[in-house]
Amino acid sequence: MEDEAVARVKAEETQAMKDDAQRDLNKALPAVEKANEAIGRLKKESIGEVRTFTKPPHMVEVVMQAVCVIFEKKKVNILFSQQKTF
């Protein structure tokens, strides 16, 4: 009987964790879908234009560092002007 009670408590805890994770996922999915749509609208010319910047605006640098993280490029912590491998 005691094993069943322990299993029931563990099952309830696990269900609560699952429900919490599902709520978080439901909140995040719309942003992921918007990001995927935005990526689909990127043009190769736009990326080439960013490469020509010697010192881009701060937010462009932040976005490009995020892109490097997403695509698992190394050395994302260095200055933009030192890294043009994206």
C-alpha atoms as a PDB file:
ATOM      1  CA  MET A   1       0.000   0.000   0.000  1.00  0.00           C
ATOM      2  CA  GLU A   2       2.779   2.416   0.861  1.00  0.00           C
ATOM      3  CA  ASP A   3       4.411   1.906  -2.550  1.00  0.00           C
ATOM      4  CA  GLU A   4       1.136   2.787  -4.249  1.00  0.00           C
ATOM      5  CA  ALA A   5       0.834   5.995  -2.223  1.00  0.00           C
ATOM      6  CA  VAL A   6       4.394   7.002  -3.090  1.00  0.00           C
ATOM      7  CA  ALA A   7       3.762   6.232  -6.749  1.00  0.00           C
ATOM      8  CA  ARG A   8       0.531   8.256  -6.693  1.00  0.00           C
ATOM      9  CA  VAL A   9       2.331  11.274  -5.165  1.00  0.00           C
ATOM     10  CA  LYS A  10       5.113  11.001  -7.736  1.00  0.00           C
ATOM     11  CA  ALA A  11       2.553  10.759 -10.538  1.00  0.00           C
ATOM     12  CA  GLU A  12       0.798  13.899  -9.276  1.00  0.00           C
ATOM     13  CA  GLU A  13       4.105  15.782  -9.034  1.00  0.00           C
ATOM     14  CA  THR A  14       5.056  14.647 -12.522  1.00  0.00           C
ATOM     15  CA  GLN A  15       1.683  15.720 -13.924  1.00  0.00           C
ATOM     16  CA  ALA A  16       2.058  19.140 -12.286  1.00  0.00           C
ATOM     17  CA  MET A  17       5.510  19.533 -13.871  1.00  0.00           C
ATOM     18  CA  LYS A  18       4.109  18.479 -17.244  1.00  0.00           C
ATOM     19  CA  ASP A  19       1.236  20.954 -16.979  1.00  0.00           C
ATOM     20  CA  ASP A  20       3.644  23.750 -16.046  1.00  0.00           C
ATOM     21  CA  ALA A  21       5.924  22.938 -18.960  1.00  0.00           C
ATOM     22  CA  GLN A  22       2.959  22.854 -21.347  1.00  0.00           C
ATOM     23  CA  ARG A  23       1.818  26.308 -20.163  1.00  0.00           C
ATOM     24  CA  ASP A  24       5.323  27.675 -20.773  1.00  0.00           C
ATOM     25  CA  LEU A  25       5.425  26.067 -24.210  1.00  0.00           C
ATOM     26  CA  ASN A  26       2.015  27.488 -25.119  1.00  0.00           C
ATOM     27  CA  LYS A  27       3.279  30.970 -24.189  1.00  0.00           C
ATOM     28  CA  ALA A  28       6.478  30.581 -26.231  1.00  0.00           C
ATOM     29  CA  LEU A  29       5.074  29.036 -29.416  1.00  0.00           C
ATOM     30  CA  PRO A  30       3.550  32.224 -30.884  1.00  0.00           C
ATOM     31  CA  ALA A  31       6.922  33.987 -30.630  1.00  0.00           C
ATOM     32  CA  VAL A  32       8.670  31.025 -32.244  1.00  0.00           C
ATOM     33  CA  GLU A  33       6.170  31.031 -35.107  1.00  0.00           C
ATOM     34  CA  LYS A  34       6.652  34.777 -35.656  1.00  0.00           C
ATOM     35  CA  ALA A  35      10.415  34.338 -35.624  1.00  0.00           C
ATOM     36  CA  ASN A  36      10.204  31.548 -38.199  1.00  0.00           C
ATOM     37  CA  GLU A  37       8.055  33.738 -40.432  1.00  0.00           C
ATOM     38  CA  ALA A  38      10.554  36.585 -40.119  1.00  0.00           C
ATOM     39  CA  ILE A  39      13.433  34.263 -40.989  1.00  0.00           C
ATOM     40  CA  GLY A  40      11.514  33.172 -44.064  1.00  0.00           C
ATOM     41  CA  ARG A  41      11.341  36.785 -45.219  1.00  0.00           C
ATOM     42  CA  LEU A  42      15.094  37.372 -44.960  1.00  0.00           C
ATOM     43  CA  LYS A  43      16.850  38.060 -48.222  1.00  0.00           C
ATOM     44  CA  LYS A  44      20.401  37.100 -49.029  1.00  0.00           C
ATOM     45  CA  GLU A  45      21.086  40.697 -50.082  1.00  0.00           C
ATOM     46  CA  SER A  46      20.116  41.951 -46.623  1.00  0.00           C
ATOM     47  CA  ILE A  47      22.571  39.627 -44.949  1.00  0.00           C
ATOM     48  CA  GLY A  48      25.260  40.728 -47.400  1.00  0.00           C
ATOM     49  CA  GLU A  49      24.524  44.346 -46.542  1.00  0.00           C
ATOM     50  CA  VAL A  50      25.085  43.661 -42.840  1.00  0.00           C
ATOM     51  CA  ARG A  51      28.473  42.160 -43.656  1.00  0.00           C
ATOM     52  CA  THR A  52      29.601  45.457 -45.163  1.00  0.00           C
ATOM     53  CA  PHE A  53      29.125  47.372 -41.907  1.00  0.00           C
ATOM     54  CA  THR A  54      32.371  48.325 -40.216  1.00  0.00           C
ATOM     55  CA  LYS A  55      30.487  49.405 -37.098  1.00  0.00           C
ATOM     56  CA  PRO A  56      26.791  48.503 -37.246  1.00  0.00           C
ATOM     57  CA  PRO A  57      24.132  49.997 -35.012  1.00  0.00           C
ATOM     58  CA  HIS A  58      24.123  48.395 -31.575  1.00  0.00           C
ATOM     59  CA  MET A  59      20.870  46.478 -32.093  1.00  0.00           C
ATOM     60  CA  VAL A  60      22.112  45.030 -35.390  1.00  0.00           C
ATOM     61  CA  GLU A  61      25.149  43.736 -33.526  1.00  0.00           C
ATOM     62  CA  VAL A  62      22.957  42.237 -30.801  1.00  0.00           C
ATOM     63  CA  VAL A  63      20.726  40.512 -33.368  1.00  0.00           C
ATOM     64  CA  MET A  64      23.693  39.125 -35.292  1.00  0.00           C
ATOM     65  CA  GLN A  65      25.194  37.766 -32.075  1.00  0.00           C
ATOM     66  CA  ALA A  66      21.861  36.063 -31.392  1.00  0.00           C
ATOM     67  CA  VAL A  67      21.933  34.587 -34.902  1.00  0.00           C
ATOM     68  CA  CYS A  68      25.422  33.252 -34.196  1.00  0.00           C
ATOM     69  CA  VAL A  69      24.134  31.611 -31.028  1.00  0.00           C
ATOM     70  CA  ILE A  70      21.199  30.076 -32.878  1.00  0.00           C
ATOM     71  CA  PHE A  71      23.440  28.660 -35.583  1.00  0.00           C
ATOM     72  CA  GLU A  72      26.045  27.600 -32.998  1.00  0.00           C
ATOM     73  CA  LYS A  73      28.844  29.782 -34.333  1.00  0.00           C
ATOM     74  CA  LYS A  74      31.823  30.229 -32.038  1.00  0.00           C
ATOM     75  CA  LYS A  75      33.228  33.410 -30.529  1.00  0.00           C
ATOM     76  CA  VAL A  76      29.952  35.302 -30.274  1.00  0.00           C
ATOM     77  CA  ASN A  77      31.249  37.352 -27.353  1.00  0.00           C
ATOM     78  CA  ILE A  78      33.764  39.325 -29.414  1.00  0.00           C
ATOM     79  CA  LEU A  79      33.025  42.610 -31.106  1.00  0.00           C
ATOM     80  CA  PHE A  80      31.134  42.567 -34.388  1.00  0.00           C
ATOM     81  CA  SER A  81      33.978  44.286 -36.216  1.00  0.00           C
ATOM     82  CA  GLN A  82      36.281  41.397 -35.306  1.00  0.00           C
ATOM     83  CA  GLN A  83      33.916  38.641 -36.451  1.00  0.00           C
ATOM     84  CA  LYS A  84      32.398  38.521 -39.896  1.00  0.00           C
ATOM     85  CA  THR A  85      31.981  34.774 -40.336  1.00  0.00           C
ATOM     86  CA  PHE A  86      28.186  34.602 -40.213  1.00  0.00           C
END
